[in-house]
């Protein structure tokens, strides 16, 4: 079994929660699964950090699993159960009403429920009061229809409209205008940014770095700050390899950069960066996704590659979204810093020792079953191995980026 996750963002493009997709394996035949029982058990028993994340977790259910006893294993506070409409052969009023009683029991235990746009039909009128979220595929409705759904939900206290399959900023703007409160889709990782925009770390990350430098923390502690923040690490490597710094050799690791710069110059650099940092056009979700990618690649590589290449795997992951952060083609973005050959090969050419790890990471993120099966088999990973690493990466990134 492997996990794919997709962020759900609020109107400010901050991460509200994640929809987790359960992918099961059977003799290396990986298929997307809506049955959530295995995922429920995993979240309940395997990883307390993931289970207690501050972000809301959305999980797809079948009608059969909703009645399963495994729900008793989960704290419901941060879990939303996505429930499909009744199947075609069970959609008469009696069946719809009978399943309502099951949902009422689950709802009374504290779980929030999400439905698709079909819950707005008259046949499902008795389901609608249970809805905390109504998820609408914007490709299936017009803007006017979306407005009507949003207007109707204003009569349902606490129900929020989630616009799904958002792929462009125009679609986001239209859904926002129609009244959607939450958004899901590929748009967040391809925001429209000003060409050549400077990437700026968060002030919290810079303050943390300055505090560590002032108390003369170890090189290892300071290196961890850069590993946790892709924007900060990008600025450091770009600065230390600039012509103005005057090095005769190229620096490709965070530890090397910290040692060369020294605490005094590192403090001055961070202070200067602090004065020039401001709000960035890129969504917070982009930086979070980059950290997840880096950590997942690092965990997977640790099982097969040398420590040096594990570090490089982390760099590949966190820099894989630089084009989005900078609003530049990836090749142009990477030209600003010097990186090991294995990193640039993976990012720009999809080749080299690290390329399969990046492919597997993207397959987990995008629920690409075919690519997942191919790369997992190529690297000789089981679904459970990848799943465990992905959950660890999600929990780690959650603690880092909040």
Protein backbone atom coordinates (compact mmCIF):
# COMPACT_ATOMS: atom_id res chain seq x y z
CA UNK A 1 0.00 0.00 0.00
CA UNK A 2 1.20 3.53 -0.80
CA UNK A 3 -0.09 6.97 -0.01
CA UNK A 4 -0.71 9.83 -2.39
CA UNK A 5 -1.84 13.17 -1.04
CA UNK A 6 -3.13 16.39 -2.54
CA UNK A 7 -3.38 19.68 -0.64
CA UNK A 8 -6.68 21.48 -0.17
CA UNK A 9 -6.10 25.23 0.06
CA UNK A 10 -8.06 28.13 1.50
CA UNK A 11 -8.73 31.47 -0.18
CA UNK A 12 -5.28 32.73 0.86
CA UNK A 13 -3.64 29.69 -0.73
CA UNK A 14 -2.60 28.29 2.63
CA UNK A 15 -2.92 24.56 3.22
CA UNK A 16 -6.19 23.75 4.95
CA UNK A 17 -5.82 20.00 4.74
CA UNK A 18 -4.85 17.02 2.62
CA UNK A 19 -6.81 14.44 0.75
CA UNK A 20 -5.04 11.11 1.19
CA UNK A 21 -5.38 8.44 -1.46
CA UNK A 22 -4.93 4.81 -0.51
CA UNK A 23 -3.03 2.75 -3.06
CA UNK A 24 -2.89 -1.01 -2.48
CA UNK A 25 -0.52 -3.61 -3.91
CA UNK A 26 -1.03 -7.21 -4.84
CA UNK A 27 2.00 -9.03 -6.23
CA UNK A 28 3.41 -5.72 -7.49
CA UNK A 29 0.16 -4.84 -9.28
CA UNK A 30 -0.61 -1.38 -7.92
CA UNK A 31 -4.10 0.03 -8.29
CA UNK A 32 -5.87 3.05 -6.86
CA UNK A 33 -8.25 1.94 -4.12
CA UNK A 34 -11.21 3.75 -2.63
CA UNK A 35 -11.51 1.20 0.18
CA UNK A 36 -9.97 3.04 3.12
CA UNK A 37 -9.78 0.30 5.74
CA UNK A 38 -6.03 -0.32 5.46
CA UNK A 39 -5.31 3.38 5.46
CA UNK A 40 -7.49 3.92 8.51
CA UNK A 41 -5.62 1.23 10.41
CA UNK A 42 -2.28 2.65 9.36
CA UNK A 43 -3.17 6.17 10.44
CA UNK A 44 -4.56 4.89 13.72
CA UNK A 45 -1.64 2.72 14.76
CA UNK A 46 1.50 3.51 12.82
CA UNK A 47 2.24 7.20 13.05
CA UNK A 48 0.95 9.35 15.87
CA UNK A 49 2.43 12.50 14.36
CA UNK A 50 0.51 11.98 11.16
CA UNK A 51 -2.64 11.11 13.04
CA UNK A 52 -2.40 14.23 15.19
CA UNK A 53 -1.41 16.65 12.48
CA UNK A 54 -2.90 20.11 12.80
CA UNK A 55 -4.15 19.91 9.22
CA UNK A 56 -7.44 18.27 8.30
CA UNK A 57 -7.20 14.88 6.61
CA UNK A 58 -9.74 13.97 3.90
CA UNK A 59 -10.16 10.25 3.19
CA UNK A 60 -12.26 8.61 0.49
CA UNK A 61 -14.69 5.95 1.73
CA UNK A 62 -16.91 3.33 0.27
CA UNK A 63 -20.34 2.66 1.74
CA UNK A 64 -19.04 -0.66 3.05
CA UNK A 65 -16.00 0.76 4.88
CA UNK A 66 -18.03 3.53 6.47
CA UNK A 67 -19.79 0.90 8.57
CA UNK A 68 -16.53 -0.84 9.51
CA UNK A 69 -15.29 -1.09 13.06
CA UNK A 70 -11.88 0.35 12.12
CA UNK A 71 -13.38 3.86 12.47
CA UNK A 72 -13.38 3.32 16.23
CA UNK A 73 -9.56 3.31 16.11
CA UNK A 74 -9.31 6.89 14.88
CA UNK A 75 -9.63 10.20 16.63
CA UNK A 76 -12.26 11.93 14.46
CA UNK A 77 -11.36 15.56 15.19
CA UNK A 78 -9.17 16.10 12.13
CA UNK A 79 -10.67 13.51 9.79
CA UNK A 80 -13.17 14.18 7.01
CA UNK A 81 -14.80 11.17 5.39
CA UNK A 82 -15.59 11.65 1.69
CA UNK A 83 -18.74 9.71 0.86
CA UNK A 84 -19.86 8.96 -2.71
CA UNK A 85 -23.49 8.92 -3.85
CA UNK A 86 -25.34 5.62 -3.84
CA UNK A 87 -24.54 3.27 -6.74
CA UNK A 88 -26.95 3.28 -9.64
CA UNK A 89 -28.65 0.04 -8.64
CA UNK A 90 -29.19 1.27 -5.05
CA UNK A 91 -30.34 4.82 -5.65
CA UNK A 92 -34.02 4.52 -4.89
CA UNK A 93 -35.37 6.62 -1.98
CA UNK A 94 -35.46 3.64 0.42
CA UNK A 95 -31.75 2.84 -0.09
CA UNK A 96 -30.74 6.49 0.25
CA UNK A 97 -32.74 6.81 3.46
CA UNK A 98 -31.37 3.55 4.88
CA UNK A 99 -27.75 4.64 4.41
CA UNK A 100 -28.56 7.97 6.04
CA UNK A 101 -28.82 6.18 9.39
CA UNK A 102 -25.26 4.83 9.02
CA UNK A 103 -23.94 8.31 8.28
CA UNK A 104 -25.79 9.81 11.23
CA UNK A 105 -24.04 7.35 13.54
CA UNK A 106 -20.62 8.20 12.12
CA UNK A 107 -21.37 11.93 12.28
CA UNK A 108 -22.44 11.67 15.92
CA UNK A 109 -19.07 10.10 16.76
CA UNK A 110 -17.42 13.34 15.61
CA UNK A 111 -16.45 12.68 12.00
CA UNK A 112 -17.09 15.40 9.47
CA UNK A 113 -18.56 14.31 6.16
CA UNK A 114 -17.91 15.48 2.61
CA UNK A 115 -20.09 14.80 -0.43
CA UNK A 116 -19.81 15.57 -4.12
CA UNK A 117 -22.19 17.81 -6.08
CA UNK A 118 -24.83 15.06 -6.26
CA UNK A 119 -25.81 15.84 -2.65
CA UNK A 120 -27.44 19.01 -3.98
CA UNK A 121 -30.06 16.91 -5.80
CA UNK A 122 -33.53 16.58 -4.32
CA UNK A 123 -33.06 12.83 -3.86
CA UNK A 124 -30.26 13.50 -1.35
CA UNK A 125 -31.97 16.33 0.53
CA UNK A 126 -31.78 14.37 3.79
CA UNK A 127 -28.01 13.95 3.42
CA UNK A 128 -27.22 17.63 2.98
CA UNK A 129 -27.64 18.68 6.66
CA UNK A 130 -24.80 16.26 7.53
CA UNK A 131 -22.37 17.90 5.10
CA UNK A 132 -19.38 19.80 6.41
CA UNK A 133 -17.97 19.98 2.88
CA UNK A 134 -19.42 19.73 -0.61
CA UNK A 135 -16.76 19.04 -3.23
CA UNK A 136 -17.63 20.11 -6.76
CA UNK A 137 -15.63 19.24 -9.87
CA UNK A 138 -15.57 22.58 -11.71
CA UNK A 139 -15.43 20.75 -15.03
CA UNK A 140 -18.91 19.34 -14.38
CA UNK A 141 -20.71 22.61 -13.60
CA UNK A 142 -20.93 26.11 -15.00
CA UNK A 143 -19.97 29.17 -13.00
CA UNK A 144 -23.65 30.01 -12.54
CA UNK A 145 -24.36 26.51 -11.25
CA UNK A 146 -21.43 26.82 -8.83
CA UNK A 147 -22.87 30.13 -7.58
CA UNK A 148 -26.23 28.47 -6.96
CA UNK A 149 -24.57 25.65 -5.02
CA UNK A 150 -22.63 28.18 -2.93
CA UNK A 151 -25.80 30.16 -2.26
CA UNK A 152 -27.70 27.05 -1.19
CA UNK A 153 -24.90 26.05 1.18
CA UNK A 154 -25.27 29.36 3.03
CA UNK A 155 -28.43 27.84 4.47
CA UNK A 156 -26.41 24.91 5.85
CA UNK A 157 -24.44 26.14 8.90
CA UNK A 158 -20.80 25.10 8.75
CA UNK A 159 -20.89 23.61 5.23
CA UNK A 160 -18.04 24.72 3.00
CA UNK A 161 -17.82 24.55 -0.78
CA UNK A 162 -14.65 22.91 -2.12
CA UNK A 163 -13.87 23.55 -5.80
CA UNK A 164 -12.01 20.56 -7.24
CA UNK A 165 -9.88 20.10 -10.38
CA UNK A 166 -8.57 23.67 -10.29
CA UNK A 167 -5.73 23.79 -12.81
CA UNK A 168 -5.34 27.48 -13.67
CA UNK A 169 -5.47 30.81 -11.89
CA UNK A 170 -8.49 31.76 -14.01
CA UNK A 171 -10.37 28.73 -12.71
CA UNK A 172 -9.36 29.64 -9.18
CA UNK A 173 -10.56 33.21 -9.61
CA UNK A 174 -13.88 32.04 -11.10
CA UNK A 175 -14.46 29.56 -8.28
CA UNK A 176 -13.54 32.17 -5.68
CA UNK A 177 -15.96 34.65 -7.25
CA UNK A 178 -18.68 31.99 -7.28
CA UNK A 179 -18.33 31.53 -3.54
CA UNK A 180 -15.99 28.58 -3.04
CA UNK A 181 -14.09 28.61 0.25
CA UNK A 182 -11.61 25.80 -0.38
CA UNK A 183 -9.76 24.68 -3.50
CA UNK A 184 -8.12 21.51 -4.73
CA UNK A 185 -6.20 20.76 -7.89
CA UNK A 186 -2.93 21.25 -9.69
CA UNK A 187 -3.09 25.03 -9.79
CA UNK A 188 -1.26 25.58 -6.49
CA UNK A 189 2.03 24.25 -7.83
CA UNK A 190 1.88 26.33 -10.98
CA UNK A 191 0.95 29.82 -9.77
CA UNK A 192 1.39 32.77 -12.08
CA UNK A 193 4.41 34.68 -10.80
CA UNK A 194 6.29 37.69 -12.06
CA UNK A 195 9.15 36.53 -14.29
CA UNK A 196 12.46 36.73 -12.50
CA UNK A 197 10.90 37.18 -9.07
CA UNK A 198 13.32 36.83 -6.18
CA UNK A 199 12.57 33.87 -3.96
CA UNK A 200 12.34 34.94 -0.33
CA UNK A 201 12.44 32.71 2.73
CA UNK A 202 9.89 33.15 5.49
CA UNK A 203 10.88 35.56 8.22
CA UNK A 204 10.34 32.79 10.79
CA UNK A 205 13.03 30.67 9.12
CA UNK A 206 15.46 33.59 9.02
CA UNK A 207 14.80 34.45 12.66
CA UNK A 208 15.41 30.83 13.63
CA UNK A 209 18.72 30.88 11.74
CA UNK A 210 19.80 34.16 13.35
CA UNK A 211 19.00 32.82 16.82
CA UNK A 212 21.09 29.70 16.22
CA UNK A 213 24.01 31.75 14.94
CA UNK A 214 23.85 34.13 17.90
CA UNK A 215 24.05 31.26 20.38
CA UNK A 216 26.91 29.74 18.33
CA UNK A 217 25.08 26.53 17.54
CA UNK A 218 26.92 23.66 15.91
CA UNK A 219 27.34 23.40 12.15
CA UNK A 220 25.03 20.38 12.21
CA UNK A 221 22.22 22.34 13.90
CA UNK A 222 22.56 25.21 11.45
CA UNK A 223 22.66 22.83 8.50
CA UNK A 224 19.32 21.39 9.64
CA UNK A 225 17.70 24.83 9.28
CA UNK A 226 18.67 24.92 5.61
CA UNK A 227 17.50 21.37 5.05
CA UNK A 228 14.09 22.33 6.41
CA UNK A 229 13.58 25.42 4.25
CA UNK A 230 14.16 25.12 0.48
CA UNK A 231 13.94 28.87 -0.11
CA UNK A 232 16.58 29.59 2.54
CA UNK A 233 18.94 26.94 1.17
CA UNK A 234 18.48 28.23 -2.38
CA UNK A 235 19.50 31.75 -1.33
CA UNK A 236 22.53 30.46 0.58
CA UNK A 237 23.95 28.41 -2.29
CA UNK A 238 23.22 31.15 -4.82
CA UNK A 239 24.97 33.71 -2.61
CA UNK A 240 28.05 31.69 -1.71
CA UNK A 241 28.65 30.68 -5.33
CA UNK A 242 28.18 34.19 -6.68
CA UNK A 243 31.08 36.04 -8.23
CA UNK A 244 30.94 38.56 -5.41
CA UNK A 245 31.90 35.95 -2.85
CA UNK A 246 35.06 35.15 -4.76
CA UNK A 247 35.41 31.40 -4.18
CA UNK A 248 37.73 29.44 -6.44
CA UNK A 249 35.63 26.29 -6.13
CA UNK A 250 31.92 25.63 -6.35
CA UNK A 251 29.99 24.82 -3.17
CA UNK A 252 27.22 22.26 -3.51
CA UNK A 253 26.35 21.26 0.08
CA UNK A 254 24.74 23.23 2.88
CA UNK A 255 27.31 22.07 5.45
CA UNK A 256 30.21 23.18 3.26
CA UNK A 257 28.57 26.55 2.72
CA UNK A 258 28.01 27.11 6.44
CA UNK A 259 31.61 26.17 7.27
CA UNK A 260 33.04 28.42 4.57
CA UNK A 261 30.85 31.36 5.45
CA UNK A 262 31.47 31.19 9.19
CA UNK A 263 29.17 32.38 11.95
CA UNK A 264 30.00 36.08 11.65
CA UNK A 265 29.39 36.32 7.92
CA UNK A 266 26.40 33.99 8.17
CA UNK A 267 24.84 36.34 10.71
CA UNK A 268 25.43 39.37 8.50
CA UNK A 269 24.01 37.52 5.50
CA UNK A 270 20.91 36.44 7.41
CA UNK A 271 20.39 39.94 8.79
CA UNK A 272 20.60 41.39 5.29
CA UNK A 273 18.22 38.74 3.99
CA UNK A 274 15.83 39.60 6.82
CA UNK A 275 15.64 43.23 5.74
CA UNK A 276 14.85 42.31 2.15
CA UNK A 277 12.45 39.43 2.80
CA UNK A 278 8.77 39.99 2.30
CA UNK A 279 5.71 38.17 1.13
CA UNK A 280 6.30 35.83 -1.75
CA UNK A 281 3.94 35.23 -4.62
CA UNK A 282 4.26 31.48 -4.34
CA UNK A 283 1.80 29.55 -2.24
CA UNK A 284 2.93 28.20 1.13
CA UNK A 285 1.78 24.84 -0.19
CA UNK A 286 4.57 24.91 -2.78
CA UNK A 287 7.33 25.15 -0.18
CA UNK A 288 5.61 22.48 1.92
CA UNK A 289 5.38 20.14 -1.07
CA UNK A 290 9.06 20.74 -1.83
CA UNK A 291 10.04 19.78 1.72
CA UNK A 292 7.91 16.62 1.55
CA UNK A 293 9.54 15.65 -1.75
CA UNK A 294 13.03 16.24 -0.37
CA UNK A 295 12.45 14.24 2.80
CA UNK A 296 10.76 11.36 0.98
CA UNK A 297 13.60 11.14 -1.54
CA UNK A 298 16.15 11.24 1.28
CA UNK A 299 14.41 8.43 3.18
CA UNK A 300 14.11 6.24 0.09
CA UNK A 301 17.68 6.88 -1.04
CA UNK A 302 19.01 6.02 2.43
CA UNK A 303 18.07 2.40 1.78
CA UNK A 304 20.10 2.11 -1.41
CA UNK A 305 22.62 4.91 -1.88
CA UNK A 306 25.65 6.45 -0.15
CA UNK A 307 25.21 9.20 2.48
CA UNK A 308 26.46 11.78 -0.03
CA UNK A 309 23.86 10.78 -2.59
CA UNK A 310 21.20 10.79 0.12
CA UNK A 311 22.01 14.46 0.69
CA UNK A 312 21.82 15.02 -3.04
CA UNK A 313 18.45 13.25 -3.14
CA UNK A 314 17.14 15.72 -0.58
CA UNK A 315 18.38 18.61 -2.73
CA UNK A 316 16.67 17.17 -5.81
CA UNK A 317 13.37 17.01 -3.97
CA UNK A 318 13.37 20.50 -2.48
CA UNK A 319 14.64 22.13 -5.69
CA UNK A 320 12.18 20.27 -7.93
CA UNK A 321 9.68 23.12 -7.52
CA UNK A 322 12.08 26.04 -8.02
CA UNK A 323 10.47 26.85 -11.35
CA UNK A 324 7.17 27.38 -9.56
CA UNK A 325 8.74 29.41 -6.76
CA UNK A 326 10.67 31.67 -9.14
CA UNK A 327 8.28 31.77 -12.07
CA UNK A 328 11.12 30.66 -14.33
CA UNK A 329 11.90 27.55 -16.38
CA UNK A 330 13.67 25.06 -14.13
CA UNK A 331 16.89 25.20 -16.15
CA UNK A 332 17.02 28.96 -15.82
CA UNK A 333 16.25 28.76 -12.10
CA UNK A 334 19.00 26.20 -11.48
CA UNK A 335 21.51 28.30 -13.40
CA UNK A 336 21.64 30.62 -10.38
CA UNK A 337 23.31 27.98 -8.19
CA UNK A 338 25.90 25.25 -8.54
CA UNK A 339 24.72 21.70 -7.96
CA UNK A 340 26.23 18.19 -8.18
CA UNK A 341 25.91 16.47 -11.53
CA UNK A 342 23.58 13.79 -10.15
CA UNK A 343 21.20 16.54 -9.00
CA UNK A 344 21.09 18.43 -12.30
CA UNK A 345 20.77 15.18 -14.28
CA UNK A 346 17.73 14.16 -12.27
CA UNK A 347 16.07 17.58 -12.35
CA UNK A 348 16.76 18.62 -15.92
CA UNK A 349 17.17 15.38 -17.86
CA UNK A 350 15.30 12.80 -15.78
CA UNK A 351 18.46 10.67 -15.82
CA UNK A 352 21.07 9.38 -13.42
CA UNK A 353 21.00 7.56 -10.13
CA UNK A 354 18.54 9.95 -8.50
CA UNK A 355 15.98 10.14 -11.32
CA UNK A 356 14.02 7.01 -10.31
CA UNK A 357 13.68 8.33 -6.75
CA UNK A 358 12.23 11.59 -8.07
CA UNK A 359 9.86 9.67 -10.36
CA UNK A 360 8.66 7.53 -7.47
CA UNK A 361 8.15 10.61 -5.30
CA UNK A 362 6.08 12.31 -8.01
CA UNK A 363 4.08 9.12 -8.50
CA UNK A 364 3.22 9.10 -4.79
CA UNK A 365 2.23 12.76 -4.92
CA UNK A 366 0.11 12.51 -8.07
CA UNK A 367 -1.47 9.08 -7.50
CA UNK A 368 0.10 7.84 -10.75
CA UNK A 369 -0.35 4.08 -10.38
CA UNK A 370 1.51 3.14 -13.56
CA UNK A 371 4.60 5.20 -12.76
CA UNK A 372 4.46 4.05 -9.14
CA UNK A 373 4.44 0.40 -10.16
CA UNK A 374 7.28 0.82 -12.64
CA UNK A 375 9.63 2.78 -10.39
CA UNK A 376 8.87 0.84 -7.19
CA UNK A 377 9.66 -2.38 -9.01
CA UNK A 378 12.79 -0.88 -10.58
CA UNK A 379 14.10 0.19 -7.17
CA UNK A 380 12.90 -3.05 -5.55
CA UNK A 381 10.73 -1.29 -3.00
CA UNK A 382 7.51 -2.77 -1.65
CA UNK A 383 4.40 -0.68 -1.40
CA UNK A 384 4.64 -0.77 2.39
CA UNK A 385 8.20 0.60 2.32
CA UNK A 386 7.23 3.55 0.16
CA UNK A 387 4.05 4.14 2.11
CA UNK A 388 5.88 4.26 5.43
CA UNK A 389 8.52 6.63 4.07
CA UNK A 390 5.83 8.90 2.62
CA UNK A 391 3.95 9.12 5.90
CA UNK A 392 7.19 9.91 7.71
CA UNK A 393 7.97 12.64 5.17
CA UNK A 394 4.50 14.15 5.54
CA UNK A 395 4.75 14.19 9.33
CA UNK A 396 8.28 15.62 9.22
CA UNK A 397 7.27 18.40 6.83
CA UNK A 398 4.18 19.15 8.90
CA UNK A 399 6.32 19.70 11.98
CA UNK A 400 8.76 21.86 10.03
CA UNK A 401 6.46 24.05 7.96
CA UNK A 402 3.45 24.02 10.30
